[in-house]
Amino acid sequence: MTAETDLFADELFPGSYKSWRYCIEVKCGVPLTPEFIQERVSVLSDPNHQESRRFSELYGETYRNQVLSWFRYAANES
């Protein structure tokens, strides 16, 4: 680990794209495949989707939009 990823390891909620990506891929062990990314973009883009509503209730609408933007960014990196 690097000094930067040491900081990511201690975060409860990612505050940057790099931290979010570390959280998904390292902490959660979920590969950010194009299929997974597209599925999450689809869900989080729909404010009426049950998962999207639950996410907003737990973390707030602003954070849902931030996470959605990180998924979109990841999609463009592939």
PDB file of N, CA and C in Angstrom:
ATOM      1  N   MET A   1       0.846  -1.186   0.000  1.00  0.00           N
ATOM      2  CA  MET A   1       0.000   0.000   0.000  1.00  0.00           C
ATOM      3  C   MET A   1       0.884   1.240   0.000  1.00  0.00           C
ATOM      4  N   THR A   2       0.329   2.279  -0.516  1.00  0.00           N
ATOM      5  CA  THR A   2       1.006   3.563  -0.518  1.00  0.00           C
ATOM      6  C   THR A   2       0.396   4.429   0.569  1.00  0.00           C
ATOM      7  N   ALA A   3       1.000   5.571   0.817  1.00  0.00           N
ATOM      8  CA  ALA A   3       0.448   6.505   1.805  1.00  0.00           C
ATOM      9  C   ALA A   3      -0.971   6.904   1.420  1.00  0.00           C
ATOM     10  N   GLU A   4      -1.208   7.098   0.115  1.00  0.00           N
ATOM     11  CA  GLU A   4      -2.541   7.478  -0.347  1.00  0.00           C
ATOM     12  C   GLU A   4      -3.559   6.367  -0.086  1.00  0.00           C
ATOM     13  N   THR A   5      -3.222   5.135  -0.421  1.00  0.00           N
ATOM     14  CA  THR A   5      -4.171   4.043  -0.209  1.00  0.00           C
ATOM     15  C   THR A   5      -4.326   3.723   1.272  1.00  0.00           C
ATOM     16  N   ASP A   6      -3.309   4.015   2.083  1.00  0.00           N
ATOM     17  CA  ASP A   6      -3.477   3.876   3.535  1.00  0.00           C
ATOM     18  C   ASP A   6      -4.606   4.782   4.013  1.00  0.00           C
ATOM     19  N   LEU A   7      -4.670   5.995   3.484  1.00  0.00           N
ATOM     20  CA  LEU A   7      -5.751   6.918   3.840  1.00  0.00           C
ATOM     21  C   LEU A   7      -7.092   6.378   3.355  1.00  0.00           C
ATOM     22  N   PHE A   8      -7.123   5.832   2.148  1.00  0.00           N
ATOM     23  CA  PHE A   8      -8.362   5.277   1.601  1.00  0.00           C
ATOM     24  C   PHE A   8      -8.877   4.136   2.473  1.00  0.00           C
ATOM     25  N   ALA A   9      -7.965   3.326   2.985  1.00  0.00           N
ATOM     26  CA  ALA A   9      -8.361   2.171   3.785  1.00  0.00           C
ATOM     27  C   ALA A   9      -9.107   2.580   5.049  1.00  0.00           C
ATOM     28  N   ASP A  10      -8.811   3.756   5.570  1.00  0.00           N
ATOM     29  CA  ASP A  10      -9.432   4.216   6.814  1.00  0.00           C
ATOM     30  C   ASP A  10     -10.717   5.015   6.609  1.00  0.00           C
ATOM     31  N   GLU A  11     -11.021   5.401   5.375  1.00  0.00           N
ATOM     32  CA  GLU A  11     -12.219   6.200   5.114  1.00  0.00           C
ATOM     33  C   GLU A  11     -13.491   5.362   5.246  1.00  0.00           C
ATOM     34  N   LEU A  12     -14.508   5.939   5.868  1.00  0.00           N
ATOM     35  CA  LEU A  12     -15.811   5.281   5.908  1.00  0.00           C
ATOM     36  C   LEU A  12     -16.569   5.506   4.611  1.00  0.00           C
ATOM     37  N   PHE A  13     -16.492   6.728   4.084  1.00  0.00           N
ATOM     38  CA  PHE A  13     -17.141   7.094   2.835  1.00  0.00           C
ATOM     39  C   PHE A  13     -16.107   7.720   1.916  1.00  0.00           C
ATOM     40  N   PRO A  14     -15.976   7.189   0.711  1.00  0.00           N
ATOM     41  CA  PRO A  14     -15.013   7.756  -0.221  1.00  0.00           C
ATOM     42  C   PRO A  14     -15.317   9.220  -0.528  1.00  0.00           C
ATOM     43  N   GLY A  15     -14.259  10.010  -0.578  1.00  0.00           N
ATOM     44  CA  GLY A  15     -14.413  11.433  -0.852  1.00  0.00           C
ATOM     45  C   GLY A  15     -13.824  11.866  -2.178  1.00  0.00           C
ATOM     46  N   SER A  16     -13.284  10.917  -2.925  1.00  0.00           N
ATOM     47  CA  SER A  16     -12.703  11.229  -4.227  1.00  0.00           C
ATOM     48  C   SER A  16     -12.880  10.013  -5.130  1.00  0.00           C
ATOM     49  N   TYR A  17     -12.685  10.234  -6.427  1.00  0.00           N
ATOM     50  CA  TYR A  17     -12.804   9.128  -7.377  1.00  0.00           C
ATOM     51  C   TYR A  17     -11.821   8.009  -7.047  1.00  0.00           C
ATOM     52  N   LYS A  18     -10.565   8.362  -6.792  1.00  0.00           N
ATOM     53  CA  LYS A  18      -9.558   7.333  -6.480  1.00  0.00           C
ATOM     54  C   LYS A  18      -9.932   6.542  -5.238  1.00  0.00           C
ATOM     55  N   SER A  19     -10.412   7.246  -4.235  1.00  0.00           N
ATOM     56  CA  SER A  19     -10.825   6.592  -2.995  1.00  0.00           C
ATOM     57  C   SER A  19     -12.030   5.686  -3.233  1.00  0.00           C
ATOM     58  N   TRP A  20     -12.987   6.150  -4.021  1.00  0.00           N
ATOM     59  CA  TRP A  20     -14.179   5.365  -4.344  1.00  0.00           C
ATOM     60  C   TRP A  20     -13.777   4.096  -5.093  1.00  0.00           C
ATOM     61  N   ARG A  21     -12.888   4.244  -6.068  1.00  0.00           N
ATOM     62  CA  ARG A  21     -12.448   3.088  -6.854  1.00  0.00           C
ATOM     63  C   ARG A  21     -11.729   2.073  -5.955  1.00  0.00           C
ATOM     64  N   TYR A  22     -10.904   2.571  -5.046  1.00  0.00           N
ATOM     65  CA  TYR A  22     -10.220   1.706  -4.091  1.00  0.00           C
ATOM     66  C   TYR A  22     -11.251   0.959  -3.234  1.00  0.00           C
ATOM     67  N   CYS A  23     -12.256   1.671  -2.794  1.00  0.00           N
ATOM     68  CA  CYS A  23     -13.307   1.081  -1.960  1.00  0.00           C
ATOM     69  C   CYS A  23     -14.015  -0.054  -2.702  1.00  0.00           C
ATOM     70  N   ILE A  24     -14.393   0.192  -3.941  1.00  0.00           N
ATOM     71  CA  ILE A  24     -15.114  -0.821  -4.726  1.00  0.00           C
ATOM     72  C   ILE A  24     -14.214  -2.020  -5.014  1.00  0.00           C
ATOM     73  N   GLU A  25     -13.028  -1.748  -5.552  1.00  0.00           N
ATOM     74  CA  GLU A  25     -12.177  -2.833  -6.037  1.00  0.00           C
ATOM     75  C   GLU A  25     -11.386  -3.545  -4.947  1.00  0.00           C
ATOM     76  N   VAL A  26     -10.915  -2.808  -3.942  1.00  0.00           N
ATOM     77  CA  VAL A  26     -10.060  -3.418  -2.919  1.00  0.00           C
ATOM     78  C   VAL A  26     -10.872  -3.814  -1.683  1.00  0.00           C
ATOM     79  N   LYS A  27     -11.537  -2.855  -1.074  1.00  0.00           N
ATOM     80  CA  LYS A  27     -12.295  -3.163   0.139  1.00  0.00           C
ATOM     81  C   LYS A  27     -13.423  -4.150  -0.127  1.00  0.00           C
ATOM     82  N   CYS A  28     -14.168  -3.915  -1.200  1.00  0.00           N
ATOM     83  CA  CYS A  28     -15.326  -4.759  -1.509  1.00  0.00           C
ATOM     84  C   CYS A  28     -14.970  -5.941  -2.410  1.00  0.00           C
ATOM     85  N   GLY A  29     -13.836  -5.865  -3.081  1.00  0.00           N
ATOM     86  CA  GLY A  29     -13.410  -6.947  -3.959  1.00  0.00           C
ATOM     87  C   GLY A  29     -14.280  -7.111  -5.194  1.00  0.00           C
ATOM     88  N   VAL A  30     -14.874  -6.015  -5.662  1.00  0.00           N
ATOM     89  CA  VAL A  30     -15.758  -6.060  -6.828  1.00  0.00           C
ATOM     90  C   VAL A  30     -15.031  -5.454  -8.036  1.00  0.00           C
ATOM     91  N   PRO A  31     -14.823  -6.239  -9.070  1.00  0.00           N
ATOM     92  CA  PRO A  31     -14.193  -5.686 -10.264  1.00  0.00           C
ATOM     93  C   PRO A  31     -15.139  -4.714 -10.962  1.00  0.00           C
ATOM     94  N   LEU A  32     -14.615  -3.593 -11.391  1.00  0.00           N
ATOM     95  CA  LEU A  32     -15.415  -2.601 -12.100  1.00  0.00           C
ATOM     96  C   LEU A  32     -15.449  -2.961 -13.591  1.00  0.00           C
ATOM     97  N   THR A  33     -16.208  -3.993 -13.887  1.00  0.00           N
ATOM     98  CA  THR A  33     -16.362  -4.417 -15.280  1.00  0.00           C
ATOM     99  C   THR A  33     -17.336  -3.479 -15.980  1.00  0.00           C
ATOM    100  N   PRO A  34     -17.250  -3.395 -17.295  1.00  0.00           N
ATOM    101  CA  PRO A  34     -18.212  -2.547 -18.026  1.00  0.00           C
ATOM    102  C   PRO A  34     -19.669  -2.918 -17.723  1.00  0.00           C
ATOM    103  N   GLU A  35     -19.932  -4.207 -17.564  1.00  0.00           N
ATOM    104  CA  GLU A  35     -21.298  -4.655 -17.284  1.00  0.00           C
ATOM    105  C   GLU A  35     -21.765  -4.180 -15.911  1.00  0.00           C
ATOM    106  N   PHE A  36     -20.909  -4.310 -14.915  1.00  0.00           N
ATOM    107  CA  PHE A  36     -21.257  -3.876 -13.561  1.00  0.00           C
ATOM    108  C   PHE A  36     -21.469  -2.371 -13.535  1.00  0.00           C
ATOM    109  N   ILE A  37     -20.575  -1.644 -14.175  1.00  0.00           N
ATOM    110  CA  ILE A  37     -20.677  -0.183 -14.210  1.00  0.00           C
ATOM    111  C   ILE A  37     -21.991   0.232 -14.857  1.00  0.00           C
ATOM    112  N   GLN A  38     -22.325  -0.355 -16.001  1.00  0.00           N
ATOM    113  CA  GLN A  38     -23.555   0.013 -16.703  1.00  0.00           C
ATOM    114  C   GLN A  38     -24.786  -0.288 -15.858  1.00  0.00           C
ATOM    115  N   GLU A  39     -24.771  -1.414 -15.163  1.00  0.00           N
ATOM    116  CA  GLU A  39     -25.905  -1.772 -14.311  1.00  0.00           C
ATOM    117  C   GLU A  39     -26.087  -0.752 -13.196  1.00  0.00           C
ATOM    118  N   ARG A  40     -24.992  -0.331 -12.579  1.00  0.00           N
ATOM    119  CA  ARG A  40     -25.071   0.646 -11.492  1.00  0.00           C
ATOM    120  C   ARG A  40     -25.485   2.020 -12.015  1.00  0.00           C
ATOM    121  N   VAL A  41     -24.992   2.412 -13.166  1.00  0.00           N
ATOM    122  CA  VAL A  41     -25.405   3.687 -13.766  1.00  0.00           C
ATOM    123  C   VAL A  41     -26.907   3.654 -14.025  1.00  0.00           C
ATOM    124  N   SER A  42     -27.383   2.549 -14.557  1.00  0.00           N
ATOM    125  CA  SER A  42     -28.809   2.419 -14.853  1.00  0.00           C
ATOM    126  C   SER A  42     -29.649   2.563 -13.588  1.00  0.00           C
ATOM    127  N   VAL A  43     -29.268   1.895 -12.528  1.00  0.00           N
ATOM    128  CA  VAL A  43     -30.022   1.952 -11.267  1.00  0.00           C
ATOM    129  C   VAL A  43     -29.939   3.346 -10.647  1.00  0.00           C
ATOM    130  N   LEU A  44     -28.735   3.873 -10.509  1.00  0.00           N
ATOM    131  CA  LEU A  44     -28.562   5.161  -9.829  1.00  0.00           C
ATOM    132  C   LEU A  44     -29.091   6.337 -10.639  1.00  0.00           C
ATOM    133  N   SER A  45     -29.245   6.149 -11.939  1.00  0.00           N
ATOM    134  CA  SER A  45     -29.791   7.210 -12.790  1.00  0.00           C
ATOM    135  C   SER A  45     -31.306   7.338 -12.654  1.00  0.00           C
ATOM    136  N   ASP A  46     -31.925   6.302 -12.151  1.00  0.00           N
ATOM    137  CA  ASP A  46     -33.381   6.282 -12.027  1.00  0.00           C
ATOM    138  C   ASP A  46     -33.777   6.618 -10.587  1.00  0.00           C
ATOM    139  N   PRO A  47     -34.193   7.854 -10.334  1.00  0.00           N
ATOM    140  CA  PRO A  47     -34.530   8.239  -8.956  1.00  0.00           C
ATOM    141  C   PRO A  47     -35.731   7.485  -8.399  1.00  0.00           C
ATOM    142  N   ASN A  48     -36.485   6.795  -9.271  1.00  0.00           N
ATOM    143  CA  ASN A  48     -37.641   6.019  -8.810  1.00  0.00           C
ATOM    144  C   ASN A  48     -37.319   4.557  -8.553  1.00  0.00           C
ATOM    145  N   HIS A  49     -36.116   4.126  -8.925  1.00  0.00           N
ATOM    146  CA  HIS A  49     -35.702   2.743  -8.686  1.00  0.00           C
ATOM    147  C   HIS A  49     -35.555   2.531  -7.178  1.00  0.00           C
ATOM    148  N   GLN A  50     -36.024   1.392  -6.697  1.00  0.00           N
ATOM    149  CA  GLN A  50     -35.991   1.110  -5.261  1.00  0.00           C
ATOM    150  C   GLN A  50     -34.583   1.246  -4.681  1.00  0.00           C
ATOM    151  N   GLU A  51     -33.579   0.698  -5.360  1.00  0.00           N
ATOM    152  CA  GLU A  51     -32.197   0.796  -4.862  1.00  0.00           C
ATOM    153  C   GLU A  51     -31.714   2.241  -4.837  1.00  0.00           C
ATOM    154  N   SER A  52     -32.076   2.996  -5.858  1.00  0.00           N
ATOM    155  CA  SER A  52     -31.674   4.396  -5.924  1.00  0.00           C
ATOM    156  C   SER A  52     -32.316   5.195  -4.794  1.00  0.00           C
ATOM    157  N   ARG A  53     -33.590   4.951  -4.541  1.00  0.00           N
ATOM    158  CA  ARG A  53     -34.282   5.643  -3.445  1.00  0.00           C
ATOM    159  C   ARG A  53     -33.663   5.273  -2.098  1.00  0.00           C
ATOM    160  N   ARG A  54     -33.367   3.998  -1.924  1.00  0.00           N
ATOM    161  CA  ARG A  54     -32.755   3.544  -0.662  1.00  0.00           C
ATOM    162  C   ARG A  54     -31.376   4.176  -0.477  1.00  0.00           C
ATOM    163  N   PHE A  55     -30.605   4.251  -1.547  1.00  0.00           N
ATOM    164  CA  PHE A  55     -29.286   4.877  -1.478  1.00  0.00           C
ATOM    165  C   PHE A  55     -29.425   6.326  -1.032  1.00  0.00           C
ATOM    166  N   SER A  56     -30.354   7.050  -1.649  1.00  0.00           N
ATOM    167  CA  SER A  56     -30.570   8.461  -1.302  1.00  0.00           C
ATOM    168  C   SER A  56     -31.037   8.630   0.135  1.00  0.00           C
ATOM    169  N   GLU A  57     -31.878   7.729   0.596  1.00  0.00           N
ATOM    170  CA  GLU A  57     -32.346   7.793   1.988  1.00  0.00           C
ATOM    171  C   GLU A  57     -31.203   7.578   2.969  1.00  0.00           C
ATOM    172  N   LEU A  58     -30.297   6.670   2.643  1.00  0.00           N
ATOM    173  CA  LEU A  58     -29.179   6.356   3.542  1.00  0.00           C
ATOM    174  C   LEU A  58     -28.063   7.394   3.494  1.00  0.00           C
ATOM    175  N   TYR A  59     -27.716   7.843   2.281  1.00  0.00           N
ATOM    176  CA  TYR A  59     -26.522   8.668   2.109  1.00  0.00           C
ATOM    177  C   TYR A  59     -26.791  10.075   1.592  1.00  0.00           C
ATOM    178  N   GLY A  60     -28.012  10.328   1.158  1.00  0.00           N
ATOM    179  CA  GLY A  60     -28.365  11.641   0.642  1.00  0.00           C
ATOM    180  C   GLY A  60     -28.311  11.688  -0.875  1.00  0.00           C
ATOM    181  N   GLU A  61     -29.122  12.576  -1.410  1.00  0.00           N
ATOM    182  CA  GLU A  61     -29.219  12.738  -2.856  1.00  0.00           C
ATOM    183  C   GLU A  61     -27.907  13.262  -3.452  1.00  0.00           C
ATOM    184  N   THR A  62     -27.241  14.148  -2.740  1.00  0.00           N
ATOM    185  CA  THR A  62     -25.984  14.702  -3.238  1.00  0.00           C
ATOM    186  C   THR A  62     -24.936  13.609  -3.395  1.00  0.00           C
ATOM    187  N   TYR A  63     -24.841  12.709  -2.412  1.00  0.00           N
ATOM    188  CA  TYR A  63     -23.850  11.635  -2.492  1.00  0.00           C
ATOM    189  C   TYR A  63     -24.234  10.631  -3.577  1.00  0.00           C
ATOM    190  N   ARG A  64     -25.535  10.367  -3.759  1.00  0.00           N
ATOM    191  CA  ARG A  64     -25.969   9.480  -4.850  1.00  0.00           C
ATOM    192  C   ARG A  64     -25.506  10.042  -6.188  1.00  0.00           C
ATOM    193  N   ASN A  65     -25.689  11.335  -6.376  1.00  0.00           N
ATOM    194  CA  ASN A  65     -25.244  11.971  -7.621  1.00  0.00           C
ATOM    195  C   ASN A  65     -23.734  11.905  -7.780  1.00  0.00           C
ATOM    196  N   GLN A  66     -23.002  12.036  -6.674  1.00  0.00           N
ATOM    197  CA  GLN A  66     -21.540  11.950  -6.740  1.00  0.00           C
ATOM    198  C   GLN A  66     -21.105  10.553  -7.141  1.00  0.00           C
ATOM    199  N   VAL A  67     -21.678   9.551  -6.523  1.00  0.00           N
ATOM    200  CA  VAL A  67     -21.328   8.163  -6.852  1.00  0.00           C
ATOM    201  C   VAL A  67     -21.701   7.853  -8.300  1.00  0.00           C
ATOM    202  N   LEU A  68     -22.845   8.330  -8.740  1.00  0.00           N
ATOM    203  CA  LEU A  68     -23.255   8.149 -10.131  1.00  0.00           C
ATOM    204  C   LEU A  68     -22.220   8.770 -11.070  1.00  0.00           C
ATOM    205  N   SER A  69     -21.729   9.936 -10.730  1.00  0.00           N
ATOM    206  CA  SER A  69     -20.719  10.580 -11.581  1.00  0.00           C
ATOM    207  C   SER A  69     -19.423   9.768 -11.594  1.00  0.00           C
ATOM    208  N   TRP A  70     -19.070   9.144 -10.480  1.00  0.00           N
ATOM    209  CA  TRP A  70     -17.875   8.299 -10.456  1.00  0.00           C
ATOM    210  C   TRP A  70     -18.065   7.058 -11.320  1.00  0.00           C
ATOM    211  N   PHE A  71     -19.252   6.450 -11.290  1.00  0.00           N
ATOM    212  CA  PHE A  71     -19.513   5.303 -12.171  1.00  0.00           C
ATOM    213  C   PHE A  71     -19.425   5.737 -13.630  1.00  0.00           C
ATOM    214  N   ARG A  72     -19.972   6.882 -13.963  1.00  0.00           N
ATOM    215  CA  ARG A  72     -19.900   7.378 -15.336  1.00  0.00           C
ATOM    216  C   ARG A  72     -18.457   7.643 -15.755  1.00  0.00           C
ATOM    217  N   TYR A  73     -17.675   8.198 -14.853  1.00  0.00           N
ATOM    218  CA  TYR A  73     -16.259   8.449 -15.123  1.00  0.00           C
ATOM    219  C   TYR A  73     -15.544   7.119 -15.379  1.00  0.00           C
ATOM    220  N   ALA A  74     -15.828   6.138 -14.538  1.00  0.00           N
ATOM    221  CA  ALA A  74     -15.210   4.811 -14.700  1.00  0.00           C
ATOM    222  C   ALA A  74     -15.595   4.204 -16.041  1.00  0.00           C
ATOM    223  N   ALA A  75     -16.842   4.419 -16.462  1.00  0.00           N
ATOM    224  CA  ALA A  75     -17.273   3.888 -17.763  1.00  0.00           C
ATOM    225  C   ALA A  75     -16.467   4.486 -18.898  1.00  0.00           C
ATOM    226  N   ASN A  76     -16.113   5.744 -18.770  1.00  0.00           N
ATOM    227  CA  ASN A  76     -15.339   6.407 -19.816  1.00  0.00           C
ATOM    228  C   ASN A  76     -13.869   6.029 -19.795  1.00  0.00           C
ATOM    229  N   GLU A  77     -13.401   5.508 -18.676  1.00  0.00           N
ATOM    230  CA  GLU A  77     -11.999   5.049 -18.593  1.00  0.00           C
ATOM    231  C   GLU A  77     -11.787   3.728 -19.305  1.00  0.00           C
ATOM    232  N   SER A  78     -12.822   2.924 -19.367  1.00  0.00           N
ATOM    233  CA  SER A  78     -12.699   1.564 -19.953  1.00  0.00           C
ATOM    234  C   SER A  78     -12.423   1.605 -21.420  1.00  0.00           C
TER     235      SER A  78
END
